[in-house]
């Protein structure tokens, strides 16, 4: 079984750049209290846990959000900090165990620094309310995979792929067959 804390080492959470209202600060503290110990949450405000097999990619010393940098030791540890496991290796292993590897192919935007240090739960709750709470709950627990996926994405894809992000979220195979260099 894959453990909950793959490479857990305490890292401080990000703090918001601007003063938030009391309710939002309280929700952010609650979110950090829950997600911090369980998933290593750093409060990036751009939560991707459901897409990265519930391992926070912000635990990567380089902050890689779209997969590994390619620099691991033979023991699958991070080459930046050899005392800890490569977080993306942990994410991939857990995704493979859960059968969710295809979710790792989505290209994710960089951090939205306006949201760093703030909570994500309020935004998720607002999007669920917009979709319809009973509809969301019914569809998520539905046996119809297409319906479930469509409803899930109506909430979480908006968070993963915000409007300001003009990038392409689809994975594209390399155009070449042979390695470009000896290093590849």
N, C-alpha and C. Protein backbone atom coordinates (compact mmCIF):
# COMPACT_ATOMS: atom_id res chain seq x y z
N UNK A 1 0.84 -1.19 0.00
CA UNK A 1 0.00 0.00 0.00
C UNK A 1 0.88 1.25 0.00
N UNK A 2 0.46 2.26 -0.71
CA UNK A 2 1.20 3.51 -0.79
C UNK A 2 0.91 4.33 0.46
N UNK A 3 1.94 4.84 1.11
CA UNK A 3 1.75 5.59 2.35
C UNK A 3 1.21 6.98 2.09
N UNK A 4 0.66 7.60 3.12
CA UNK A 4 0.11 8.94 2.99
C UNK A 4 1.21 9.99 2.93
N UNK A 5 2.29 9.79 3.64
CA UNK A 5 3.36 10.77 3.71
C UNK A 5 4.59 10.30 2.95
N UNK A 6 4.63 10.50 1.63
CA UNK A 6 5.72 9.94 0.84
C UNK A 6 7.10 10.51 1.13
N UNK A 7 7.22 11.78 1.34
CA UNK A 7 8.54 12.34 1.59
C UNK A 7 8.41 13.51 2.56
N UNK A 8 7.56 13.33 3.52
CA UNK A 8 7.16 14.42 4.39
C UNK A 8 8.33 15.03 5.14
N UNK A 9 8.50 16.30 4.95
CA UNK A 9 9.42 17.11 5.72
C UNK A 9 8.73 18.45 5.86
N UNK A 10 8.73 19.00 7.03
CA UNK A 10 8.00 20.24 7.22
C UNK A 10 8.58 21.35 6.37
N UNK A 11 7.71 22.00 5.64
CA UNK A 11 8.07 23.19 4.87
C UNK A 11 7.03 24.24 5.22
N UNK A 12 7.43 25.46 5.42
CA UNK A 12 6.44 26.47 5.81
C UNK A 12 5.45 26.74 4.68
N UNK A 13 4.24 27.07 5.08
CA UNK A 13 3.21 27.41 4.10
C UNK A 13 3.52 28.79 3.52
N UNK A 14 3.01 29.03 2.33
CA UNK A 14 3.10 30.36 1.75
C UNK A 14 2.17 31.28 2.53
N UNK A 15 2.48 32.55 2.57
CA UNK A 15 1.60 33.52 3.21
C UNK A 15 1.10 34.49 2.17
N UNK A 16 -0.17 34.92 2.30
CA UNK A 16 -0.72 35.82 1.29
C UNK A 16 -0.02 37.16 1.27
N UNK A 17 -0.01 37.77 0.08
CA UNK A 17 0.62 39.07 -0.08
C UNK A 17 -0.28 40.20 0.40
N UNK A 18 -1.57 39.93 0.47
CA UNK A 18 -2.51 40.97 0.87
C UNK A 18 -3.35 40.50 2.04
N UNK A 19 -3.91 41.44 2.75
CA UNK A 19 -4.74 41.14 3.91
C UNK A 19 -6.10 40.62 3.44
N UNK A 20 -6.47 39.45 3.93
CA UNK A 20 -7.75 38.84 3.58
C UNK A 20 -8.77 39.13 4.68
N UNK A 21 -10.05 38.97 4.37
CA UNK A 21 -11.11 39.12 5.37
C UNK A 21 -10.98 38.02 6.41
N UNK A 22 -11.54 38.26 7.59
CA UNK A 22 -11.41 37.32 8.70
C UNK A 22 -11.92 35.93 8.33
N UNK A 23 -13.07 35.84 7.68
CA UNK A 23 -13.64 34.55 7.31
C UNK A 23 -12.73 33.75 6.38
N UNK A 24 -12.13 34.43 5.44
CA UNK A 24 -11.21 33.76 4.50
C UNK A 24 -9.93 33.34 5.20
N UNK A 25 -9.44 34.18 6.14
CA UNK A 25 -8.23 33.80 6.90
C UNK A 25 -8.51 32.59 7.77
N UNK A 26 -9.72 32.55 8.39
CA UNK A 26 -10.10 31.42 9.23
C UNK A 26 -10.21 30.14 8.39
N UNK A 27 -10.82 30.25 7.22
CA UNK A 27 -10.93 29.10 6.33
C UNK A 27 -9.55 28.64 5.87
N UNK A 28 -8.66 29.58 5.59
CA UNK A 28 -7.29 29.24 5.18
C UNK A 28 -6.55 28.51 6.30
N UNK A 29 -6.70 28.97 7.53
CA UNK A 29 -6.04 28.30 8.68
C UNK A 29 -6.60 26.89 8.86
N UNK A 30 -7.92 26.75 8.69
CA UNK A 30 -8.54 25.43 8.81
C UNK A 30 -8.03 24.50 7.71
N UNK A 31 -7.96 25.01 6.48
CA UNK A 31 -7.48 24.21 5.36
C UNK A 31 -6.03 23.78 5.59
N UNK A 32 -5.20 24.69 6.07
CA UNK A 32 -3.81 24.36 6.35
C UNK A 32 -3.71 23.33 7.47
N UNK A 33 -4.55 23.46 8.49
CA UNK A 33 -4.56 22.54 9.62
C UNK A 33 -4.91 21.12 9.17
N UNK A 34 -5.82 21.00 8.20
CA UNK A 34 -6.24 19.68 7.71
C UNK A 34 -5.28 19.16 6.64
N UNK A 35 -5.04 19.96 5.60
CA UNK A 35 -4.26 19.48 4.46
C UNK A 35 -2.75 19.47 4.71
N UNK A 36 -2.27 20.30 5.62
CA UNK A 36 -0.83 20.35 5.90
C UNK A 36 -0.27 19.01 6.34
N UNK A 37 -0.77 18.46 7.45
CA UNK A 37 -0.23 17.18 7.92
C UNK A 37 -0.55 16.00 7.01
N UNK A 38 -1.72 16.02 6.37
CA UNK A 38 -2.11 14.89 5.53
C UNK A 38 -1.39 14.85 4.19
N UNK A 39 -1.28 16.01 3.54
CA UNK A 39 -0.79 16.03 2.17
C UNK A 39 0.44 16.91 1.95
N UNK A 40 0.95 17.54 2.99
CA UNK A 40 2.10 18.41 2.83
C UNK A 40 1.75 19.73 2.16
N UNK A 41 0.50 20.17 2.33
CA UNK A 41 0.01 21.38 1.67
C UNK A 41 0.85 22.59 2.06
N UNK A 42 1.21 23.39 1.05
CA UNK A 42 1.99 24.62 1.28
C UNK A 42 1.14 25.86 1.06
N UNK A 43 -0.18 25.69 0.86
CA UNK A 43 -1.13 26.78 0.68
C UNK A 43 -0.77 27.63 -0.53
N UNK A 44 -0.65 26.97 -1.66
CA UNK A 44 -0.32 27.68 -2.89
C UNK A 44 -1.53 28.40 -3.46
N UNK A 45 -2.75 28.04 -2.99
CA UNK A 45 -3.95 28.68 -3.49
C UNK A 45 -4.39 28.16 -4.85
N UNK A 46 -3.65 27.21 -5.38
CA UNK A 46 -3.92 26.60 -6.70
C UNK A 46 -3.92 25.08 -6.53
N UNK A 47 -4.77 24.57 -5.67
CA UNK A 47 -4.69 23.17 -5.24
C UNK A 47 -4.93 22.19 -6.38
N UNK A 48 -4.01 21.21 -6.48
CA UNK A 48 -4.06 20.19 -7.51
C UNK A 48 -4.05 18.78 -6.92
N UNK A 49 -4.33 18.66 -5.63
CA UNK A 49 -4.21 17.36 -4.97
C UNK A 49 -5.00 16.26 -5.66
N UNK A 50 -6.20 16.56 -6.10
CA UNK A 50 -7.03 15.53 -6.73
C UNK A 50 -6.44 15.07 -8.06
N UNK A 51 -5.58 15.86 -8.67
CA UNK A 51 -4.96 15.49 -9.94
C UNK A 51 -3.59 14.83 -9.75
N UNK A 52 -2.96 15.08 -8.62
CA UNK A 52 -1.62 14.53 -8.38
C UNK A 52 -1.64 13.43 -7.33
N UNK A 53 -2.71 12.63 -7.35
CA UNK A 53 -2.84 11.45 -6.48
C UNK A 53 -2.71 11.81 -5.00
N UNK A 54 -3.19 12.97 -4.64
CA UNK A 54 -3.22 13.45 -3.26
C UNK A 54 -1.84 13.56 -2.63
N UNK A 55 -0.86 13.94 -3.45
CA UNK A 55 0.47 14.29 -2.97
C UNK A 55 0.73 15.69 -3.50
N UNK A 56 1.05 16.62 -2.63
CA UNK A 56 1.23 18.02 -3.05
C UNK A 56 2.52 18.19 -3.85
N UNK A 57 2.42 18.63 -5.11
CA UNK A 57 3.63 18.82 -5.91
C UNK A 57 4.49 19.98 -5.42
N UNK A 58 3.94 20.84 -4.58
CA UNK A 58 4.71 21.97 -4.05
C UNK A 58 5.75 21.53 -3.04
N UNK A 59 5.76 20.24 -2.69
CA UNK A 59 6.81 19.71 -1.82
C UNK A 59 8.13 19.55 -2.56
N UNK A 60 8.08 19.60 -3.88
CA UNK A 60 9.30 19.52 -4.68
C UNK A 60 10.16 20.73 -4.36
N UNK A 61 11.45 20.53 -4.05
CA UNK A 61 12.31 21.68 -3.74
C UNK A 61 12.38 22.70 -4.87
N UNK A 62 12.16 22.26 -6.10
CA UNK A 62 12.18 23.18 -7.24
C UNK A 62 10.79 23.71 -7.58
N UNK A 63 9.75 23.23 -6.87
CA UNK A 63 8.39 23.69 -7.12
C UNK A 63 7.84 23.25 -8.47
N UNK A 64 8.25 22.10 -8.94
CA UNK A 64 7.80 21.60 -10.24
C UNK A 64 6.32 21.19 -10.17
N UNK A 65 5.49 21.79 -11.03
CA UNK A 65 4.05 21.51 -11.02
C UNK A 65 3.62 20.61 -12.18
N UNK A 66 4.50 20.34 -13.12
CA UNK A 66 4.12 19.57 -14.30
C UNK A 66 4.96 18.33 -14.50
N UNK A 67 5.41 17.75 -13.44
CA UNK A 67 6.18 16.52 -13.57
C UNK A 67 7.62 16.70 -13.13
N UNK A 68 8.34 15.61 -13.10
CA UNK A 68 9.70 15.64 -12.58
C UNK A 68 10.66 16.40 -13.48
N UNK A 69 11.72 16.91 -12.87
CA UNK A 69 12.74 17.64 -13.62
C UNK A 69 13.70 16.67 -14.29
N UNK A 70 13.70 15.42 -13.87
CA UNK A 70 14.60 14.43 -14.46
C UNK A 70 15.86 14.23 -13.65
N UNK A 71 15.98 14.93 -12.54
CA UNK A 71 17.19 14.82 -11.74
C UNK A 71 16.96 14.03 -10.47
N UNK A 72 17.03 12.70 -10.58
CA UNK A 72 16.91 11.87 -9.39
C UNK A 72 18.17 11.04 -9.22
N UNK A 73 18.41 10.66 -8.01
CA UNK A 73 19.55 9.79 -7.72
C UNK A 73 19.15 8.35 -8.06
N UNK A 74 20.09 7.41 -8.10
CA UNK A 74 19.74 6.01 -8.37
C UNK A 74 18.74 5.42 -7.36
N UNK A 75 18.69 6.00 -6.17
CA UNK A 75 17.74 5.51 -5.15
C UNK A 75 16.41 6.24 -5.23
N UNK A 76 16.17 6.98 -6.31
CA UNK A 76 14.94 7.74 -6.56
C UNK A 76 14.74 8.87 -5.56
N UNK A 77 15.84 9.41 -5.07
CA UNK A 77 15.77 10.60 -4.22
C UNK A 77 16.00 11.83 -5.07
N UNK A 78 15.62 12.97 -4.52
CA UNK A 78 15.79 14.25 -5.21
C UNK A 78 17.27 14.61 -5.26
N UNK A 79 17.73 15.08 -6.40
CA UNK A 79 19.15 15.43 -6.48
C UNK A 79 19.43 16.78 -5.83
N UNK A 80 18.42 17.61 -5.64
CA UNK A 80 18.60 18.89 -4.95
C UNK A 80 18.79 18.65 -3.45
N UNK A 81 17.98 17.76 -2.89
CA UNK A 81 18.06 17.39 -1.48
C UNK A 81 18.01 15.87 -1.41
N UNK A 82 19.16 15.23 -1.37
CA UNK A 82 19.26 13.78 -1.47
C UNK A 82 18.72 13.05 -0.25
N UNK A 83 18.31 13.78 0.79
CA UNK A 83 17.76 13.13 1.98
C UNK A 83 16.27 12.85 1.83
N UNK A 84 15.66 13.34 0.74
CA UNK A 84 14.22 13.12 0.56
C UNK A 84 13.93 12.50 -0.80
N UNK A 85 12.81 11.78 -0.85
CA UNK A 85 12.40 11.14 -2.08
C UNK A 85 11.99 12.18 -3.11
N UNK A 86 12.12 11.83 -4.39
CA UNK A 86 11.61 12.69 -5.45
C UNK A 86 10.09 12.69 -5.34
N UNK A 87 9.51 13.84 -5.13
CA UNK A 87 8.07 13.94 -4.91
C UNK A 87 7.29 13.49 -6.13
N UNK A 88 7.83 13.74 -7.32
CA UNK A 88 7.13 13.33 -8.54
C UNK A 88 7.21 11.83 -8.75
N UNK A 89 8.24 11.19 -8.26
CA UNK A 89 8.28 9.73 -8.29
C UNK A 89 7.18 9.19 -7.38
N UNK A 90 7.00 9.80 -6.22
CA UNK A 90 5.93 9.40 -5.29
C UNK A 90 4.56 9.61 -5.91
N UNK A 91 4.39 10.75 -6.59
CA UNK A 91 3.11 11.04 -7.24
C UNK A 91 2.82 10.00 -8.31
N UNK A 92 3.82 9.69 -9.13
CA UNK A 92 3.60 8.72 -10.20
C UNK A 92 3.28 7.33 -9.63
N UNK A 93 4.02 6.91 -8.62
CA UNK A 93 3.77 5.59 -8.03
C UNK A 93 2.36 5.49 -7.47
N UNK A 94 1.92 6.53 -6.78
CA UNK A 94 0.56 6.51 -6.21
C UNK A 94 -0.48 6.57 -7.33
N UNK A 95 -0.26 7.40 -8.35
CA UNK A 95 -1.20 7.49 -9.47
C UNK A 95 -1.31 6.14 -10.18
N UNK A 96 -0.19 5.45 -10.35
CA UNK A 96 -0.20 4.13 -10.99
C UNK A 96 -0.98 3.14 -10.12
N UNK A 97 -0.78 3.23 -8.81
CA UNK A 97 -1.49 2.35 -7.89
C UNK A 97 -3.00 2.59 -7.94
N UNK A 98 -3.40 3.86 -8.13
CA UNK A 98 -4.82 4.22 -8.18
C UNK A 98 -5.40 4.14 -9.59
N UNK A 99 -4.55 3.88 -10.59
CA UNK A 99 -5.01 3.82 -11.96
C UNK A 99 -5.36 5.19 -12.54
N UNK A 100 -4.64 6.23 -12.11
CA UNK A 100 -4.95 7.60 -12.53
C UNK A 100 -3.76 8.27 -13.23
N UNK A 101 -2.93 7.50 -13.92
CA UNK A 101 -1.75 8.08 -14.56
C UNK A 101 -2.10 9.10 -15.63
N UNK A 102 -3.23 8.91 -16.32
CA UNK A 102 -3.59 9.83 -17.41
C UNK A 102 -3.82 11.25 -16.91
N UNK A 103 -4.19 11.42 -15.64
CA UNK A 103 -4.39 12.76 -15.10
C UNK A 103 -3.08 13.54 -15.01
N UNK A 104 -1.96 12.82 -14.96
CA UNK A 104 -0.67 13.49 -14.85
C UNK A 104 -0.20 14.09 -16.17
N UNK A 105 -0.88 13.77 -17.27
CA UNK A 105 -0.49 14.29 -18.57
C UNK A 105 -0.99 15.71 -18.84
N UNK A 106 -1.95 16.18 -18.04
CA UNK A 106 -2.48 17.52 -18.25
C UNK A 106 -1.42 18.57 -17.91
N UNK A 107 -1.22 19.51 -18.82
CA UNK A 107 -0.25 20.58 -18.59
C UNK A 107 -0.91 21.63 -17.70
N UNK A 108 -0.28 21.92 -16.59
CA UNK A 108 -0.86 22.83 -15.60
C UNK A 108 -0.20 24.20 -15.67
N UNK A 109 -0.96 25.24 -15.35
CA UNK A 109 -0.39 26.59 -15.39
C UNK A 109 0.56 26.83 -14.22
N UNK A 110 1.39 27.87 -14.33
CA UNK A 110 2.24 28.23 -13.18
C UNK A 110 1.37 28.76 -12.04
N UNK A 111 1.98 28.92 -10.90
CA UNK A 111 1.23 29.45 -9.75
C UNK A 111 0.63 30.81 -10.06
N UNK A 112 -0.59 31.01 -9.59
CA UNK A 112 -1.23 32.32 -9.65
C UNK A 112 -0.83 33.03 -8.35
N UNK A 113 0.12 33.92 -8.44
CA UNK A 113 0.67 34.53 -7.23
C UNK A 113 -0.31 35.44 -6.52
N UNK A 114 -1.43 35.76 -7.14
CA UNK A 114 -2.50 36.50 -6.45
C UNK A 114 -3.16 35.62 -5.40
N UNK A 115 -3.14 34.30 -5.61
CA UNK A 115 -3.81 33.37 -4.71
C UNK A 115 -2.88 32.70 -3.72
N UNK A 116 -1.60 32.83 -3.88
CA UNK A 116 -0.64 32.15 -3.01
C UNK A 116 -0.88 32.55 -1.55
N UNK A 117 -0.96 31.54 -0.70
CA UNK A 117 -1.18 31.76 0.73
C UNK A 117 -2.64 31.81 1.10
N UNK A 118 -3.52 31.74 0.12
CA UNK A 118 -4.95 31.76 0.40
C UNK A 118 -5.52 30.36 0.29
N UNK A 119 -6.78 30.22 0.68
CA UNK A 119 -7.42 28.91 0.66
C UNK A 119 -8.01 28.61 -0.71
N UNK A 120 -8.28 27.32 -0.95
CA UNK A 120 -8.92 26.88 -2.18
C UNK A 120 -10.33 26.38 -1.90
N UNK A 121 -10.62 25.98 -0.69
CA UNK A 121 -11.91 25.39 -0.34
C UNK A 121 -13.07 26.34 -0.62
N UNK A 122 -12.90 27.62 -0.36
CA UNK A 122 -13.97 28.59 -0.62
C UNK A 122 -14.33 28.63 -2.09
N UNK A 123 -13.30 28.61 -2.95
CA UNK A 123 -13.54 28.62 -4.39
C UNK A 123 -14.22 27.32 -4.83
N UNK A 124 -13.79 26.19 -4.28
CA UNK A 124 -14.41 24.91 -4.62
C UNK A 124 -15.88 24.92 -4.18
N UNK A 125 -16.15 25.39 -2.96
CA UNK A 125 -17.53 25.44 -2.47
C UNK A 125 -18.40 26.33 -3.35
N UNK A 126 -17.85 27.47 -3.79
CA UNK A 126 -18.59 28.37 -4.67
C UNK A 126 -18.91 27.73 -6.01
N UNK A 127 -17.94 26.99 -6.56
CA UNK A 127 -18.17 26.33 -7.85
C UNK A 127 -19.15 25.16 -7.72
N UNK A 128 -19.12 24.46 -6.59
CA UNK A 128 -20.09 23.38 -6.34
C UNK A 128 -21.49 23.99 -6.23
N UNK A 129 -21.59 25.10 -5.52
CA UNK A 129 -22.89 25.78 -5.38
C UNK A 129 -23.40 26.24 -6.75
N UNK A 130 -22.51 26.74 -7.59
CA UNK A 130 -22.88 27.19 -8.93
C UNK A 130 -23.37 26.01 -9.78
N UNK A 131 -22.72 24.86 -9.65
CA UNK A 131 -23.12 23.65 -10.37
C UNK A 131 -24.43 23.10 -9.83
N UNK A 132 -24.65 23.30 -8.55
CA UNK A 132 -25.81 22.73 -7.85
C UNK A 132 -25.31 21.66 -6.91
N UNK A 133 -25.43 21.91 -5.63
CA UNK A 133 -24.87 21.01 -4.63
C UNK A 133 -25.43 19.59 -4.75
N UNK A 134 -26.75 19.47 -4.84
CA UNK A 134 -27.35 18.13 -4.93
C UNK A 134 -26.98 17.45 -6.24
N UNK A 135 -26.92 18.22 -7.32
CA UNK A 135 -26.52 17.65 -8.62
C UNK A 135 -25.07 17.17 -8.54
N UNK A 136 -24.19 17.99 -7.94
CA UNK A 136 -22.79 17.61 -7.81
C UNK A 136 -22.65 16.32 -7.02
N UNK A 137 -23.28 16.26 -5.86
CA UNK A 137 -23.19 15.07 -5.01
C UNK A 137 -23.75 13.84 -5.73
N UNK A 138 -24.92 14.01 -6.36
CA UNK A 138 -25.53 12.90 -7.09
C UNK A 138 -24.66 12.40 -8.23
N UNK A 139 -24.09 13.34 -9.00
CA UNK A 139 -23.26 12.95 -10.14
C UNK A 139 -21.93 12.33 -9.72
N UNK A 140 -21.32 12.86 -8.65
CA UNK A 140 -20.04 12.32 -8.20
C UNK A 140 -20.19 10.89 -7.68
N UNK A 141 -21.33 10.59 -7.07
CA UNK A 141 -21.56 9.23 -6.58
C UNK A 141 -22.33 8.37 -7.58
N UNK A 142 -22.51 8.87 -8.78
CA UNK A 142 -23.19 8.14 -9.84
C UNK A 142 -22.29 7.03 -10.39
N UNK A 143 -22.90 5.99 -10.94
CA UNK A 143 -22.13 4.91 -11.56
C UNK A 143 -21.77 5.24 -13.00
N UNK A 144 -22.38 6.28 -13.54
CA UNK A 144 -22.10 6.72 -14.91
C UNK A 144 -20.79 7.51 -14.90
N UNK A 145 -19.72 6.90 -15.42
CA UNK A 145 -18.39 7.51 -15.37
C UNK A 145 -18.31 8.82 -16.16
N UNK A 146 -19.01 8.90 -17.29
CA UNK A 146 -18.98 10.10 -18.12
C UNK A 146 -19.62 11.27 -17.38
N UNK A 147 -20.78 11.01 -16.79
CA UNK A 147 -21.50 12.03 -16.02
C UNK A 147 -20.65 12.49 -14.83
N UNK A 148 -20.07 11.52 -14.13
CA UNK A 148 -19.23 11.82 -12.97
C UNK A 148 -18.04 12.69 -13.39
N UNK A 149 -17.36 12.31 -14.46
CA UNK A 149 -16.20 13.05 -14.94
C UNK A 149 -16.57 14.47 -15.38
N UNK A 150 -17.67 14.60 -16.08
CA UNK A 150 -18.11 15.92 -16.57
C UNK A 150 -18.42 16.85 -15.40
N UNK A 151 -19.14 16.36 -14.40
CA UNK A 151 -19.47 17.19 -13.23
C UNK A 151 -18.23 17.53 -12.43
N UNK A 152 -17.35 16.55 -12.23
CA UNK A 152 -16.10 16.77 -11.50
C UNK A 152 -15.28 17.86 -12.17
N UNK A 153 -15.13 17.75 -13.50
CA UNK A 153 -14.35 18.74 -14.25
C UNK A 153 -15.01 20.11 -14.27
N UNK A 154 -16.34 20.17 -14.19
CA UNK A 154 -17.01 21.47 -14.17
C UNK A 154 -16.59 22.29 -12.95
N UNK A 155 -16.20 21.61 -11.89
CA UNK A 155 -15.73 22.31 -10.69
C UNK A 155 -14.21 22.43 -10.69
N UNK A 156 -13.51 21.31 -10.81
CA UNK A 156 -12.07 21.32 -10.58
C UNK A 156 -11.24 21.78 -11.78
N UNK A 157 -11.74 21.63 -13.00
CA UNK A 157 -10.97 22.10 -14.15
C UNK A 157 -10.88 23.62 -14.15
N UNK A 158 -11.91 24.27 -13.64
CA UNK A 158 -11.90 25.74 -13.52
C UNK A 158 -10.79 26.20 -12.59
N UNK A 159 -10.52 25.41 -11.56
CA UNK A 159 -9.45 25.75 -10.62
C UNK A 159 -8.09 25.40 -11.23
N UNK A 160 -8.01 24.23 -11.89
CA UNK A 160 -6.74 23.79 -12.50
C UNK A 160 -6.35 24.65 -13.69
N UNK A 161 -7.33 25.04 -14.49
CA UNK A 161 -7.08 25.79 -15.73
C UNK A 161 -7.83 27.12 -15.67
N UNK A 162 -7.34 28.09 -14.92
CA UNK A 162 -8.05 29.37 -14.76
C UNK A 162 -8.12 30.15 -16.08
N UNK A 163 -9.02 31.11 -16.13
CA UNK A 163 -9.24 31.89 -17.35
C UNK A 163 -7.99 32.64 -17.80
N UNK A 164 -7.18 33.13 -16.86
CA UNK A 164 -6.00 33.92 -17.25
C UNK A 164 -4.95 33.07 -17.96
N UNK A 165 -5.00 31.75 -17.76
CA UNK A 165 -4.03 30.86 -18.36
C UNK A 165 -4.39 30.63 -19.82
N UNK A 166 -3.54 31.07 -20.71
CA UNK A 166 -3.79 30.93 -22.15
C UNK A 166 -3.05 29.74 -22.75
N UNK A 167 -2.43 28.95 -21.91
CA UNK A 167 -1.67 27.80 -22.41
C UNK A 167 -2.56 26.65 -22.81
N UNK A 168 -1.99 25.69 -23.46
CA UNK A 168 -2.68 24.50 -23.90
C UNK A 168 -2.56 23.45 -22.81
N UNK A 169 -3.68 22.94 -22.32
CA UNK A 169 -3.64 21.97 -21.22
C UNK A 169 -3.44 20.53 -21.71
N UNK A 170 -3.47 20.31 -23.02
CA UNK A 170 -3.35 18.96 -23.56
C UNK A 170 -1.89 18.54 -23.68
N UNK A 171 -1.66 17.25 -23.47
CA UNK A 171 -0.33 16.68 -23.65
C UNK A 171 -0.11 16.42 -25.14
N UNK A 172 1.06 16.75 -25.64
CA UNK A 172 1.40 16.51 -27.03
C UNK A 172 2.66 15.65 -27.09
N UNK A 173 2.60 14.59 -27.86
CA UNK A 173 3.75 13.72 -28.04
C UNK A 173 4.87 14.50 -28.73
N UNK A 174 6.12 14.18 -28.44
CA UNK A 174 7.21 14.84 -29.17
C UNK A 174 7.11 14.56 -30.66
N UNK A 175 7.53 15.53 -31.48
CA UNK A 175 7.44 15.39 -32.93
C UNK A 175 8.55 14.49 -33.48
N UNK A 176 9.56 14.20 -32.67
CA UNK A 176 10.69 13.40 -33.15
C UNK A 176 10.64 12.00 -32.54
N UNK A 177 11.26 11.06 -33.20
CA UNK A 177 11.31 9.68 -32.73
C UNK A 177 12.63 9.37 -32.02
N UNK A 178 13.72 9.89 -32.57
CA UNK A 178 15.05 9.64 -32.02
C UNK A 178 15.38 10.72 -30.99
N UNK A 179 16.23 10.40 -30.02
CA UNK A 179 16.65 11.44 -29.07
C UNK A 179 17.34 12.60 -29.80
N UNK A 180 17.09 13.81 -29.33
CA UNK A 180 17.68 14.99 -29.94
C UNK A 180 19.16 15.06 -29.62
N UNK A 181 19.53 14.60 -28.44
CA UNK A 181 20.95 14.66 -28.06
C UNK A 181 21.34 13.38 -27.31
N UNK A 182 22.61 13.28 -27.00
CA UNK A 182 23.10 12.13 -26.25
C UNK A 182 22.56 12.14 -24.81
N UNK A 183 22.18 13.30 -24.33
CA UNK A 183 21.71 13.42 -22.95
C UNK A 183 20.28 12.91 -22.76
N UNK A 184 19.53 12.79 -23.83
CA UNK A 184 18.14 12.42 -23.73
C UNK A 184 17.94 10.93 -23.64
